[in-house]
Amino acid sequence: MIVTMDIHGKPRRQNLGYTRATIGRMKETHTPHRPIRVDDELWEKFGQLVGERNRAAIVREFIRWFVRERGAKLPRRPDAGDSSGSPASD
């Protein structure tokens, strides 16, 4: 599978701010990279609550729940004021 990368910049002239480049091959076992735009402050708060390396797992859980995938559950949120990242207890 060929991987492509979108490159955005501030064009000096019209139509020069975007290009797509092929950068290599991705392992068949990996899922494609899906960049999203999130405010830095919001991204940092999210990382503090779920753990720096757990953001993608929580986003995937939410998407599975949102599209009504069988058996998917809405990710649990930490208690208000909890910065440890432990889920809320019901």
PDB file of N, CA and C in Angstrom:
ATOM      1  N   MET A   1       0.843  -1.172   0.000  1.00  0.00           N
ATOM      2  CA  MET A   1       0.000   0.000   0.000  1.00  0.00           C
ATOM      3  C   MET A   1       0.895   1.244   0.000  1.00  0.00           C
ATOM      4  N   ILE A   2       0.617   2.176  -0.862  1.00  0.00           N
ATOM      5  CA  ILE A   2       1.363   3.427  -0.952  1.00  0.00           C
ATOM      6  C   ILE A   2       0.726   4.440  -0.001  1.00  0.00           C
ATOM      7  N   VAL A   3       1.548   5.130   0.749  1.00  0.00           N
ATOM      8  CA  VAL A   3       1.080   6.139   1.688  1.00  0.00           C
ATOM      9  C   VAL A   3       1.301   7.508   1.072  1.00  0.00           C
ATOM     10  N   THR A   4       0.301   8.371   1.178  1.00  0.00           N
ATOM     11  CA  THR A   4       0.465   9.730   0.674  1.00  0.00           C
ATOM     12  C   THR A   4       0.402  10.707   1.837  1.00  0.00           C
ATOM     13  N   MET A   5       1.001  11.863   1.635  1.00  0.00           N
ATOM     14  CA  MET A   5       1.031  12.874   2.680  1.00  0.00           C
ATOM     15  C   MET A   5       0.584  14.188   2.060  1.00  0.00           C
ATOM     16  N   ASP A   6      -0.327  14.874   2.729  1.00  0.00           N
ATOM     17  CA  ASP A   6      -0.756  16.191   2.293  1.00  0.00           C
ATOM     18  C   ASP A   6       0.133  17.228   2.958  1.00  0.00           C
ATOM     19  N   ILE A   7       0.613  18.175   2.173  1.00  0.00           N
ATOM     20  CA  ILE A   7       1.477  19.225   2.687  1.00  0.00           C
ATOM     21  C   ILE A   7       0.778  20.562   2.460  1.00  0.00           C
ATOM     22  N   HIS A   8       0.560  21.270   3.548  1.00  0.00           N
ATOM     23  CA  HIS A   8      -0.093  22.568   3.472  1.00  0.00           C
ATOM     24  C   HIS A   8       0.914  23.645   3.838  1.00  0.00           C
ATOM     25  N   GLY A   9       0.831  24.757   3.202  1.00  0.00           N
ATOM     26  CA  GLY A   9       1.717  25.864   3.513  1.00  0.00           C
ATOM     27  C   GLY A   9       1.032  27.178   3.216  1.00  0.00           C
ATOM     28  N   LYS A  10       1.726  28.243   3.500  1.00  0.00           N
ATOM     29  CA  LYS A  10       1.208  29.569   3.195  1.00  0.00           C
ATOM     30  C   LYS A  10       1.749  29.971   1.829  1.00  0.00           C
ATOM     31  N   PRO A  11       0.909  29.931   0.834  1.00  0.00           N
ATOM     32  CA  PRO A  11       1.391  30.205  -0.521  1.00  0.00           C
ATOM     33  C   PRO A  11       1.783  31.664  -0.715  1.00  0.00           C
ATOM     34  N   ARG A  12       2.876  31.855  -1.453  1.00  0.00           N
ATOM     35  CA  ARG A  12       3.273  33.219  -1.821  1.00  0.00           C
ATOM     36  C   ARG A  12       2.506  33.641  -3.063  1.00  0.00           C
ATOM     37  N   ARG A  13       2.191  32.640  -3.877  1.00  0.00           N
ATOM     38  CA  ARG A  13       1.388  32.888  -5.070  1.00  0.00           C
ATOM     39  C   ARG A  13       0.186  31.965  -5.037  1.00  0.00           C
ATOM     40  N   GLN A  14      -0.836  32.311  -5.758  1.00  0.00           N
ATOM     41  CA  GLN A  14      -2.059  31.516  -5.793  1.00  0.00           C
ATOM     42  C   GLN A  14      -1.770  30.082  -6.255  1.00  0.00           C
ATOM     43  N   ASN A  15      -2.452  29.109  -5.639  1.00  0.00           N
ATOM     44  CA  ASN A  15      -2.376  27.686  -5.976  1.00  0.00           C
ATOM     45  C   ASN A  15      -1.052  27.024  -5.610  1.00  0.00           C
ATOM     46  N   LEU A  16      -0.263  27.606  -4.714  1.00  0.00           N
ATOM     47  CA  LEU A  16       1.002  26.986  -4.327  1.00  0.00           C
ATOM     48  C   LEU A  16       0.996  26.515  -2.879  1.00  0.00           C
ATOM     49  N   GLY A  17      -0.147  26.470  -2.224  1.00  0.00           N
ATOM     50  CA  GLY A  17      -0.183  26.141  -0.810  1.00  0.00           C
ATOM     51  C   GLY A  17      -0.499  24.697  -0.493  1.00  0.00           C
ATOM     52  N   TYR A  18      -0.655  23.837  -1.468  1.00  0.00           N
ATOM     53  CA  TYR A  18      -1.061  22.462  -1.201  1.00  0.00           C
ATOM     54  C   TYR A  18      -0.395  21.524  -2.194  1.00  0.00           C
ATOM     55  N   THR A  19       0.075  20.410  -1.695  1.00  0.00           N
ATOM     56  CA  THR A  19       0.609  19.374  -2.581  1.00  0.00           C
ATOM     57  C   THR A  19       0.410  18.020  -1.927  1.00  0.00           C
ATOM     58  N   ARG A  20       0.454  16.982  -2.669  1.00  0.00           N
ATOM     59  CA  ARG A  20       0.352  15.619  -2.151  1.00  0.00           C
ATOM     60  C   ARG A  20       1.585  14.860  -2.614  1.00  0.00           C
ATOM     61  N   ALA A  21       2.234  14.163  -1.683  1.00  0.00           N
ATOM     62  CA  ALA A  21       3.473  13.452  -2.011  1.00  0.00           C
ATOM     63  C   ALA A  21       3.394  12.010  -1.529  1.00  0.00           C
ATOM     64  N   THR A  22       3.933  11.086  -2.299  1.00  0.00           N
ATOM     65  CA  THR A  22       4.031   9.690  -1.896  1.00  0.00           C
ATOM     66  C   THR A  22       5.279   9.544  -1.043  1.00  0.00           C
ATOM     67  N   ILE A  23       5.136   8.934   0.161  1.00  0.00           N
ATOM     68  CA  ILE A  23       6.281   8.876   1.064  1.00  0.00           C
ATOM     69  C   ILE A  23       6.764   7.474   1.387  1.00  0.00           C
ATOM     70  N   GLY A  24       6.093   6.458   0.948  1.00  0.00           N
ATOM     71  CA  GLY A  24       6.585   5.111   1.227  1.00  0.00           C
ATOM     72  C   GLY A  24       5.465   4.092   1.353  1.00  0.00           C
ATOM     73  N   ARG A  25       5.792   2.994   1.976  1.00  0.00           N
ATOM     74  CA  ARG A  25       4.810   1.925   2.148  1.00  0.00           C
ATOM     75  C   ARG A  25       4.439   1.771   3.615  1.00  0.00           C
ATOM     76  N   MET A  26       3.174   1.444   3.854  1.00  0.00           N
ATOM     77  CA  MET A  26       2.674   1.223   5.195  1.00  0.00           C
ATOM     78  C   MET A  26       2.454  -0.279   5.373  1.00  0.00           C
ATOM     79  N   LYS A  27       2.752  -0.780   6.560  1.00  0.00           N
ATOM     80  CA  LYS A  27       2.521  -2.194   6.831  1.00  0.00           C
ATOM     81  C   LYS A  27       1.036  -2.499   6.686  1.00  0.00           C
ATOM     82  N   GLU A  28       0.733  -3.672   6.158  1.00  0.00           N
ATOM     83  CA  GLU A  28      -0.651  -4.077   5.959  1.00  0.00           C
ATOM     84  C   GLU A  28      -1.422  -4.173   7.280  1.00  0.00           C
ATOM     85  N   THR A  29      -0.703  -4.348   8.398  1.00  0.00           N
ATOM     86  CA  THR A  29      -1.370  -4.498   9.690  1.00  0.00           C
ATOM     87  C   THR A  29      -1.720  -3.164  10.340  1.00  0.00           C
ATOM     88  N   HIS A  30      -1.244  -2.054   9.787  1.00  0.00           N
ATOM     89  CA  HIS A  30      -1.512  -0.748  10.369  1.00  0.00           C
ATOM     90  C   HIS A  30      -2.733  -0.089   9.736  1.00  0.00           C
ATOM     91  N   THR A  31      -3.428   0.700  10.531  1.00  0.00           N
ATOM     92  CA  THR A  31      -4.538   1.474   9.992  1.00  0.00           C
ATOM     93  C   THR A  31      -3.993   2.780   9.433  1.00  0.00           C
ATOM     94  N   PRO A  32      -4.677   3.359   8.455  1.00  0.00           N
ATOM     95  CA  PRO A  32      -4.203   4.620   7.874  1.00  0.00           C
ATOM     96  C   PRO A  32      -4.212   5.753   8.900  1.00  0.00           C
ATOM     97  N   HIS A  33      -3.312   6.673   8.731  1.00  0.00           N
ATOM     98  CA  HIS A  33      -3.212   7.859   9.575  1.00  0.00           C
ATOM     99  C   HIS A  33      -4.359   8.795   9.220  1.00  0.00           C
ATOM    100  N   ARG A  34      -5.081   9.301  10.228  1.00  0.00           N
ATOM    101  CA  ARG A  34      -6.208  10.209  10.014  1.00  0.00           C
ATOM    102  C   ARG A  34      -5.981  11.490  10.807  1.00  0.00           C
ATOM    103  N   PRO A  35      -5.344  12.468  10.214  1.00  0.00           N
ATOM    104  CA  PRO A  35      -5.091  13.705  10.968  1.00  0.00           C
ATOM    105  C   PRO A  35      -6.379  14.475  11.228  1.00  0.00           C
ATOM    106  N   ILE A  36      -6.486  15.053  12.403  1.00  0.00           N
ATOM    107  CA  ILE A  36      -7.613  15.922  12.733  1.00  0.00           C
ATOM    108  C   ILE A  36      -7.052  17.214  13.307  1.00  0.00           C
ATOM    109  N   ARG A  37      -7.815  18.272  13.217  1.00  0.00           N
ATOM    110  CA  ARG A  37      -7.393  19.561  13.755  1.00  0.00           C
ATOM    111  C   ARG A  37      -8.040  19.759  15.116  1.00  0.00           C
ATOM    112  N   VAL A  38      -7.203  19.968  16.123  1.00  0.00           N
ATOM    113  CA  VAL A  38      -7.658  20.189  17.494  1.00  0.00           C
ATOM    114  C   VAL A  38      -6.798  21.286  18.105  1.00  0.00           C
ATOM    115  N   ASP A  39      -7.434  22.198  18.794  1.00  0.00           N
ATOM    116  CA  ASP A  39      -6.717  23.265  19.502  1.00  0.00           C
ATOM    117  C   ASP A  39      -5.649  22.665  20.414  1.00  0.00           C
ATOM    118  N   ASP A  40      -4.462  23.258  20.477  1.00  0.00           N
ATOM    119  CA  ASP A  40      -3.382  22.734  21.310  1.00  0.00           C
ATOM    120  C   ASP A  40      -3.795  22.581  22.770  1.00  0.00           C
ATOM    121  N   GLU A  41      -4.456  23.589  23.315  1.00  0.00           N
ATOM    122  CA  GLU A  41      -4.861  23.549  24.725  1.00  0.00           C
ATOM    123  C   GLU A  41      -5.847  22.405  24.984  1.00  0.00           C
ATOM    124  N   LEU A  42      -6.810  22.223  24.085  1.00  0.00           N
ATOM    125  CA  LEU A  42      -7.786  21.137  24.226  1.00  0.00           C
ATOM    126  C   LEU A  42      -7.091  19.784  24.118  1.00  0.00           C
ATOM    127  N   TRP A  43      -6.148  19.639  23.175  1.00  0.00           N
ATOM    128  CA  TRP A  43      -5.409  18.382  22.980  1.00  0.00           C
ATOM    129  C   TRP A  43      -4.601  18.028  24.225  1.00  0.00           C
ATOM    130  N   GLU A  44      -3.974  19.039  24.843  1.00  0.00           N
ATOM    131  CA  GLU A  44      -3.198  18.817  26.063  1.00  0.00           C
ATOM    132  C   GLU A  44      -4.092  18.381  27.223  1.00  0.00           C
ATOM    133  N   LYS A  45      -5.225  19.041  27.399  1.00  0.00           N
ATOM    134  CA  LYS A  45      -6.165  18.650  28.468  1.00  0.00           C
ATOM    135  C   LYS A  45      -6.639  17.214  28.264  1.00  0.00           C
ATOM    136  N   PHE A  46      -6.955  16.879  27.008  1.00  0.00           N
ATOM    137  CA  PHE A  46      -7.393  15.523  26.677  1.00  0.00           C
ATOM    138  C   PHE A  46      -6.307  14.516  27.044  1.00  0.00           C
ATOM    139  N   GLY A  47      -5.065  14.805  26.690  1.00  0.00           N
ATOM    140  CA  GLY A  47      -3.944  13.923  27.002  1.00  0.00           C
ATOM    141  C   GLY A  47      -3.730  13.760  28.489  1.00  0.00           C
ATOM    142  N   GLN A  48      -3.933  14.822  29.263  1.00  0.00           N
ATOM    143  CA  GLN A  48      -3.790  14.746  30.717  1.00  0.00           C
ATOM    144  C   GLN A  48      -4.839  13.815  31.318  1.00  0.00           C
ATOM    145  N   LEU A  49      -6.027  13.805  30.731  1.00  0.00           N
ATOM    146  CA  LEU A  49      -7.115  12.980  31.275  1.00  0.00           C
ATOM    147  C   LEU A  49      -7.057  11.521  30.841  1.00  0.00           C
ATOM    148  N   VAL A  50      -6.636  11.264  29.609  1.00  0.00           N
ATOM    149  CA  VAL A  50      -6.660   9.887  29.108  1.00  0.00           C
ATOM    150  C   VAL A  50      -5.283   9.258  29.010  1.00  0.00           C
ATOM    151  N   GLY A  51      -4.246  10.061  29.161  1.00  0.00           N
ATOM    152  CA  GLY A  51      -2.885   9.561  29.000  1.00  0.00           C
ATOM    153  C   GLY A  51      -2.367   9.937  27.632  1.00  0.00           C
ATOM    154  N   GLU A  52      -1.131  10.365  27.595  1.00  0.00           N
ATOM    155  CA  GLU A  52      -0.530  10.862  26.351  1.00  0.00           C
ATOM    156  C   GLU A  52      -0.621   9.866  25.197  1.00  0.00           C
ATOM    157  N   ARG A  53      -0.547   8.576  25.490  1.00  0.00           N
ATOM    158  CA  ARG A  53      -0.531   7.577  24.417  1.00  0.00           C
ATOM    159  C   ARG A  53      -1.864   6.848  24.277  1.00  0.00           C
ATOM    160  N   ASN A  54      -2.929   7.394  24.856  1.00  0.00           N
ATOM    161  CA  ASN A  54      -4.222   6.714  24.811  1.00  0.00           C
ATOM    162  C   ASN A  54      -5.277   7.528  24.062  1.00  0.00           C
ATOM    163  N   ARG A  55      -4.907   8.677  23.536  1.00  0.00           N
ATOM    164  CA  ARG A  55      -5.885   9.535  22.846  1.00  0.00           C
ATOM    165  C   ARG A  55      -6.568   8.812  21.688  1.00  0.00           C
ATOM    166  N   ALA A  56      -5.787   8.160  20.834  1.00  0.00           N
ATOM    167  CA  ALA A  56      -6.343   7.506  19.645  1.00  0.00           C
ATOM    168  C   ALA A  56      -7.333   6.410  20.023  1.00  0.00           C
ATOM    169  N   ALA A  57      -7.043   5.664  21.068  1.00  0.00           N
ATOM    170  CA  ALA A  57      -7.955   4.592  21.490  1.00  0.00           C
ATOM    171  C   ALA A  57      -9.307   5.158  21.907  1.00  0.00           C
ATOM    172  N   ILE A  58      -9.298   6.282  22.629  1.00  0.00           N
ATOM    173  CA  ILE A  58     -10.547   6.899  23.069  1.00  0.00           C
ATOM    174  C   ILE A  58     -11.319   7.447  21.876  1.00  0.00           C
ATOM    175  N   VAL A  59     -10.623   8.074  20.934  1.00  0.00           N
ATOM    176  CA  VAL A  59     -11.283   8.600  19.734  1.00  0.00           C
ATOM    177  C   VAL A  59     -11.903   7.453  18.937  1.00  0.00           C
ATOM    178  N   ARG A  60     -11.176   6.336  18.788  1.00  0.00           N
ATOM    179  CA  ARG A  60     -11.731   5.168  18.067  1.00  0.00           C
ATOM    180  C   ARG A  60     -12.959   4.619  18.772  1.00  0.00           C
ATOM    181  N   GLU A  61     -12.923   4.529  20.116  1.00  0.00           N
ATOM    182  CA  GLU A  61     -14.098   4.063  20.867  1.00  0.00           C
ATOM    183  C   GLU A  61     -15.298   4.957  20.595  1.00  0.00           C
ATOM    184  N   PHE A  62     -15.075   6.269  20.625  1.00  0.00           N
ATOM    185  CA  PHE A  62     -16.165   7.197  20.376  1.00  0.00           C
ATOM    186  C   PHE A  62     -16.742   7.013  18.976  1.00  0.00           C
ATOM    187  N   ILE A  63     -15.878   6.869  17.965  1.00  0.00           N
ATOM    188  CA  ILE A  63     -16.355   6.702  16.588  1.00  0.00           C
ATOM    189  C   ILE A  63     -17.163   5.416  16.456  1.00  0.00           C
ATOM    190  N   ARG A  64     -16.675   4.324  17.054  1.00  0.00           N
ATOM    191  CA  ARG A  64     -17.431   3.058  16.996  1.00  0.00           C
ATOM    192  C   ARG A  64     -18.814   3.216  17.616  1.00  0.00           C
ATOM    193  N   TRP A  65     -18.881   3.906  18.761  1.00  0.00           N
ATOM    194  CA  TRP A  65     -20.168   4.153  19.413  1.00  0.00           C
ATOM    195  C   TRP A  65     -21.044   5.049  18.535  1.00  0.00           C
ATOM    196  N   PHE A  66     -20.471   6.106  17.981  1.00  0.00           N
ATOM    197  CA  PHE A  66     -21.202   7.089  17.198  1.00  0.00           C
ATOM    198  C   PHE A  66     -21.860   6.474  15.969  1.00  0.00           C
ATOM    199  N   VAL A  67     -21.166   5.542  15.298  1.00  0.00           N
ATOM    200  CA  VAL A  67     -21.725   4.909  14.097  1.00  0.00           C
ATOM    201  C   VAL A  67     -22.561   3.673  14.441  1.00  0.00           C
ATOM    202  N   ARG A  68     -22.769   3.480  15.733  1.00  0.00           N
ATOM    203  CA  ARG A  68     -23.610   2.370  16.233  1.00  0.00           C
ATOM    204  C   ARG A  68     -23.060   0.992  15.872  1.00  0.00           C
ATOM    205  N   GLU A  69     -21.743   0.834  15.972  1.00  0.00           N
ATOM    206  CA  GLU A  69     -21.129  -0.470  15.758  1.00  0.00           C
ATOM    207  C   GLU A  69     -21.614  -1.399  16.866  1.00  0.00           C
ATOM    208  N   ARG A  70     -21.964  -2.606  16.496  1.00  0.00           N
ATOM    209  CA  ARG A  70     -22.503  -3.571  17.466  1.00  0.00           C
ATOM    210  C   ARG A  70     -21.534  -3.749  18.629  1.00  0.00           C
ATOM    211  N   GLY A  71     -22.043  -3.609  19.845  1.00  0.00           N
ATOM    212  CA  GLY A  71     -21.265  -3.817  21.053  1.00  0.00           C
ATOM    213  C   GLY A  71     -20.434  -2.619  21.496  1.00  0.00           C
ATOM    214  N   ALA A  72     -20.411  -1.564  20.700  1.00  0.00           N
ATOM    215  CA  ALA A  72     -19.595  -0.389  21.045  1.00  0.00           C
ATOM    216  C   ALA A  72     -20.246   0.391  22.183  1.00  0.00           C
ATOM    217  N   LYS A  73     -19.417   0.902  23.065  1.00  0.00           N
ATOM    218  CA  LYS A  73     -19.893   1.693  24.194  1.00  0.00           C
ATOM    219  C   LYS A  73     -19.241   3.061  24.177  1.00  0.00           C
ATOM    220  N   LEU A  74     -19.981   4.046  24.633  1.00  0.00           N
ATOM    221  CA  LEU A  74     -19.447   5.396  24.737  1.00  0.00           C
ATOM    222  C   LEU A  74     -18.307   5.396  25.750  1.00  0.00           C
ATOM    223  N   PRO A  75     -17.151   5.979  25.401  1.00  0.00           N
ATOM    224  CA  PRO A  75     -16.043   6.017  26.360  1.00  0.00           C
ATOM    225  C   PRO A  75     -16.454   6.725  27.648  1.00  0.00           C
ATOM    226  N   ARG A  76     -15.969   6.218  28.766  1.00  0.00           N
ATOM    227  CA  ARG A  76     -16.290   6.813  30.068  1.00  0.00           C
ATOM    228  C   ARG A  76     -15.415   8.033  30.311  1.00  0.00           C
ATOM    229  N   ARG A  77     -16.015   9.051  30.887  1.00  0.00           N
ATOM    230  CA  ARG A  77     -15.273  10.271  31.205  1.00  0.00           C
ATOM    231  C   ARG A  77     -14.821  10.235  32.652  1.00  0.00           C
ATOM    232  N   PRO A  78     -13.705  10.901  32.953  1.00  0.00           N
ATOM    233  CA  PRO A  78     -13.278  10.993  34.351  1.00  0.00           C
ATOM    234  C   PRO A  78     -14.245  11.896  35.122  1.00  0.00           C
ATOM    235  N   ASP A  79     -14.264  11.735  36.441  1.00  0.00           N
ATOM    236  CA  ASP A  79     -15.087  12.605  37.276  1.00  0.00           C
ATOM    237  C   ASP A  79     -14.666  14.052  37.074  1.00  0.00           C
ATOM    238  N   ALA A  80     -15.597  14.971  37.261  1.00  0.00           N
ATOM    239  CA  ALA A  80     -15.284  16.400  37.153  1.00  0.00           C
ATOM    240  C   ALA A  80     -14.179  16.739  38.152  1.00  0.00           C
ATOM    241  N   GLY A  81     -13.186  17.477  37.710  1.00  0.00           N
ATOM    242  CA  GLY A  81     -12.088  17.873  38.586  1.00  0.00           C
ATOM    243  C   GLY A  81     -11.000  16.817  38.728  1.00  0.00           C
ATOM    244  N   ASP A  82     -11.191  15.634  38.143  1.00  0.00           N
ATOM    245  CA  ASP A  82     -10.187  14.570  38.226  1.00  0.00           C
ATOM    246  C   ASP A  82      -9.200  14.735  37.085  1.00  0.00           C
ATOM    247  N   SER A  83      -7.944  14.934  37.395  1.00  0.00           N
ATOM    248  CA  SER A  83      -6.930  15.066  36.355  1.00  0.00           C
ATOM    249  C   SER A  83      -6.070  13.822  36.240  1.00  0.00           C
ATOM    250  N   SER A  84      -6.443  12.759  36.960  1.00  0.00           N
ATOM    251  CA  SER A  84      -5.628  11.540  36.930  1.00  0.00           C
ATOM    252  C   SER A  84      -5.909  10.672  35.729  1.00  0.00           C
ATOM    253  N   GLY A  85      -7.084  10.889  35.088  1.00  0.00           N
ATOM    254  CA  GLY A  85      -7.421  10.080  33.930  1.00  0.00           C
ATOM    255  C   GLY A  85      -8.209   8.835  34.281  1.00  0.00           C
ATOM    256  N   SER A  86      -8.517   8.617  35.572  1.00  0.00           N
ATOM    257  CA  SER A  86      -9.299   7.442  35.929  1.00  0.00           C
ATOM    258  C   SER A  86     -10.757   7.683  35.554  1.00  0.00           C
ATOM    259  N   PRO A  87     -11.443   6.673  34.981  1.00  0.00           N
ATOM    260  CA  PRO A  87     -12.817   6.852  34.553  1.00  0.00           C
ATOM    261  C   PRO A  87     -13.756   7.112  35.720  1.00  0.00           C
ATOM    262  N   ALA A  88     -14.855   7.771  35.411  1.00  0.00           N
ATOM    263  CA  ALA A  88     -15.860   8.058  36.434  1.00  0.00           C
ATOM    264  C   ALA A  88     -16.490   6.764  36.900  1.00  0.00           C
ATOM    265  N   SER A  89     -16.813   6.705  38.151  1.00  0.00           N
ATOM    266  CA  SER A  89     -17.497   5.516  38.665  1.00  0.00           C
ATOM    267  C   SER A  89     -18.984   5.753  38.646  1.00  0.00           C
ATOM    268  N   ASP A  90     -19.727   4.774  38.191  1.00  0.00           N
ATOM    269  CA  ASP A  90     -21.197   4.893  38.101  1.00  0.00           C
ATOM    270  C   ASP A  90     -21.862   4.274  39.297  1.00  0.00           C
TER     271      ASP A  90
END
